[in-house]
Each structure stands twice: as structure tokens, then as C-alpha cells.
Amino acid sequence: MEQLTIYDAQKQPTAATMLRDTSVPNDGYRFVVSVLLFNEAGELLIQKQQSTKKGWPSYWDYTAGRTVKAGESSYQAAERELVEELGITFSRENP
């Protein structure tokens, strides 16, 4: 199960973590990333969720997104999600 860092209201990481798919404590927050891909014509790439997906099965959704794992930056999470969802390797250091 994935460990997630819990953040405070000022977006600073706390020493606490939580497991994915558990409730965030009332005084805590977690980061999520969303990656949207557009082509040169301005069209957005969307995909249909699997029918077996736990949340929102068979719904259309934007390209990639998920929670940021403990020890991971939001940029690292976005790069990971692109690889996991679409097999696309991208680095903001080397676009």
C-alpha cells in the first residue's frame, strides 16, 4: 500500500504519513497531481476509465492524475503518472 505525506494548511509537509485509500486527518491535507495533454489544435486527450475501476468506473476522464507519494515532489508524481497511464516519458528538466 502506498504511503502519502500529510501536509499542513500552509502546504508544508508534516512528519505524519497515511496509507492510500484512507481518510485524511481533519487537520491535514494531501497533494494530488493532474496532467492534461493538449495537441497543437488545442484538443484535450481524454480516456475512458476501466469498468472495474473502484471510483467512477466507465467515466471519461482527463489524461492522468493521482496522489503524490511520500518523498515525491508533485513534478515527480506527474512524470510517474504519465509513464504509468500512457507510457510517455517526460522530464521538465529536459522537455
Protein backbone atom coordinates (compact mmCIF):
# COMPACT_ATOMS: atom_id res chain seq x y z
CA MET A 1 0.00 0.00 0.00
CA GLU A 2 1.31 3.48 -0.87
CA GLN A 3 2.42 5.87 1.88
CA LEU A 4 1.38 9.52 1.46
CA THR A 5 2.78 12.54 3.27
CA ILE A 6 0.31 14.62 5.28
CA TYR A 7 0.67 18.39 4.80
CA ASP A 8 -0.46 21.30 6.96
CA ALA A 9 -2.64 24.24 5.90
CA GLN A 10 0.47 26.15 4.75
CA LYS A 11 1.38 23.33 2.32
CA GLN A 12 4.30 22.23 4.48
CA PRO A 13 4.96 18.52 4.97
CA THR A 14 4.41 17.17 8.46
CA ALA A 15 6.19 14.18 9.96
CA ALA A 16 2.98 12.16 9.60
CA THR A 17 2.06 9.84 6.76
CA MET A 18 -1.07 7.96 5.81
CA LEU A 19 -1.95 4.97 3.68
CA ARG A 20 -3.57 5.48 0.29
CA ASP A 21 -7.35 4.89 0.36
CA THR A 22 -7.66 6.01 3.98
CA SER A 23 -9.21 9.24 5.23
CA VAL A 24 -7.04 12.32 5.61
CA PRO A 25 -6.99 13.59 9.22
CA ASN A 26 -9.21 16.65 9.80
CA ASP A 27 -6.23 18.99 10.21
CA GLY A 28 -4.23 17.51 7.34
CA TYR A 29 -4.02 17.65 3.57
CA ARG A 30 -2.54 15.57 0.77
CA PHE A 31 -1.29 16.60 -2.64
CA VAL A 32 -2.68 15.27 -5.90
CA VAL A 33 -1.46 15.91 -9.43
CA SER A 34 -3.36 16.21 -12.68
CA VAL A 35 -1.76 16.02 -16.11
CA LEU A 36 -3.71 17.30 -19.09
CA LEU A 37 -2.33 16.85 -22.59
CA PHE A 38 -3.36 19.09 -25.47
CA ASN A 39 -2.35 18.80 -29.11
CA GLU A 40 -1.43 21.74 -31.34
CA ALA A 41 -5.10 22.18 -32.29
CA GLY A 42 -5.97 22.69 -28.63
CA GLU A 43 -7.77 19.36 -28.29
CA LEU A 44 -7.62 17.66 -24.90
CA LEU A 45 -6.68 13.98 -24.68
CA ILE A 46 -9.24 12.10 -22.57
CA GLN A 47 -9.64 8.43 -21.81
CA LYS A 48 -12.41 6.20 -20.61
CA GLN A 49 -11.90 4.66 -17.18
CA GLN A 50 -11.92 0.89 -16.89
CA SER A 51 -15.27 -0.60 -15.95
CA THR A 52 -13.58 -2.31 -12.99
CA LYS A 53 -12.14 0.93 -11.53
CA LYS A 54 -13.14 1.44 -7.90
CA GLY A 55 -14.18 5.07 -8.27
CA TRP A 56 -16.13 6.40 -11.26
CA PRO A 57 -15.96 3.26 -13.44
CA SER A 58 -16.55 3.71 -17.18
CA TYR A 59 -16.46 7.52 -16.92
CA TRP A 60 -14.44 9.73 -19.25
CA ASP A 61 -11.54 11.48 -17.56
CA TYR A 62 -8.56 13.71 -18.27
CA THR A 63 -5.22 12.17 -19.08
CA ALA A 64 -3.52 11.29 -15.79
CA GLY A 65 -3.65 12.12 -12.13
CA ARG A 66 -3.21 10.68 -8.69
CA THR A 67 -1.89 11.35 -5.22
CA VAL A 68 1.71 12.31 -4.59
CA LYS A 69 3.58 9.54 -2.76
CA ALA A 70 5.61 10.18 0.40
CA GLY A 71 9.03 11.58 -0.50
CA GLU A 72 7.94 12.53 -4.02
CA SER A 73 7.59 16.04 -5.47
CA SER A 74 4.50 17.00 -7.44
CA TYR A 75 6.63 17.11 -10.61
CA GLN A 76 7.97 13.61 -9.94
CA ALA A 77 4.42 12.38 -9.39
CA ALA A 78 3.28 13.92 -12.69
CA GLU A 79 6.18 12.28 -14.55
CA ARG A 80 5.37 8.91 -12.89
CA GLU A 81 1.69 9.19 -13.78
CA LEU A 82 2.44 9.88 -17.46
CA VAL A 83 4.58 6.74 -17.63
CA GLU A 84 2.03 4.60 -15.73
CA GLU A 85 -1.04 5.81 -17.63
CA LEU A 86 0.31 6.37 -21.16
CA GLY A 87 3.90 5.11 -21.33
CA ILE A 88 5.09 8.67 -22.02
CA THR A 89 8.43 9.71 -20.59
CA PHE A 90 8.68 13.41 -19.87
CA SER A 91 11.03 15.45 -17.73
CA ARG A 92 10.51 19.13 -17.09
CA GLU A 93 14.30 19.48 -16.92
CA ASN A 94 14.62 18.02 -20.45
CA PRO A 95 11.31 18.66 -22.29
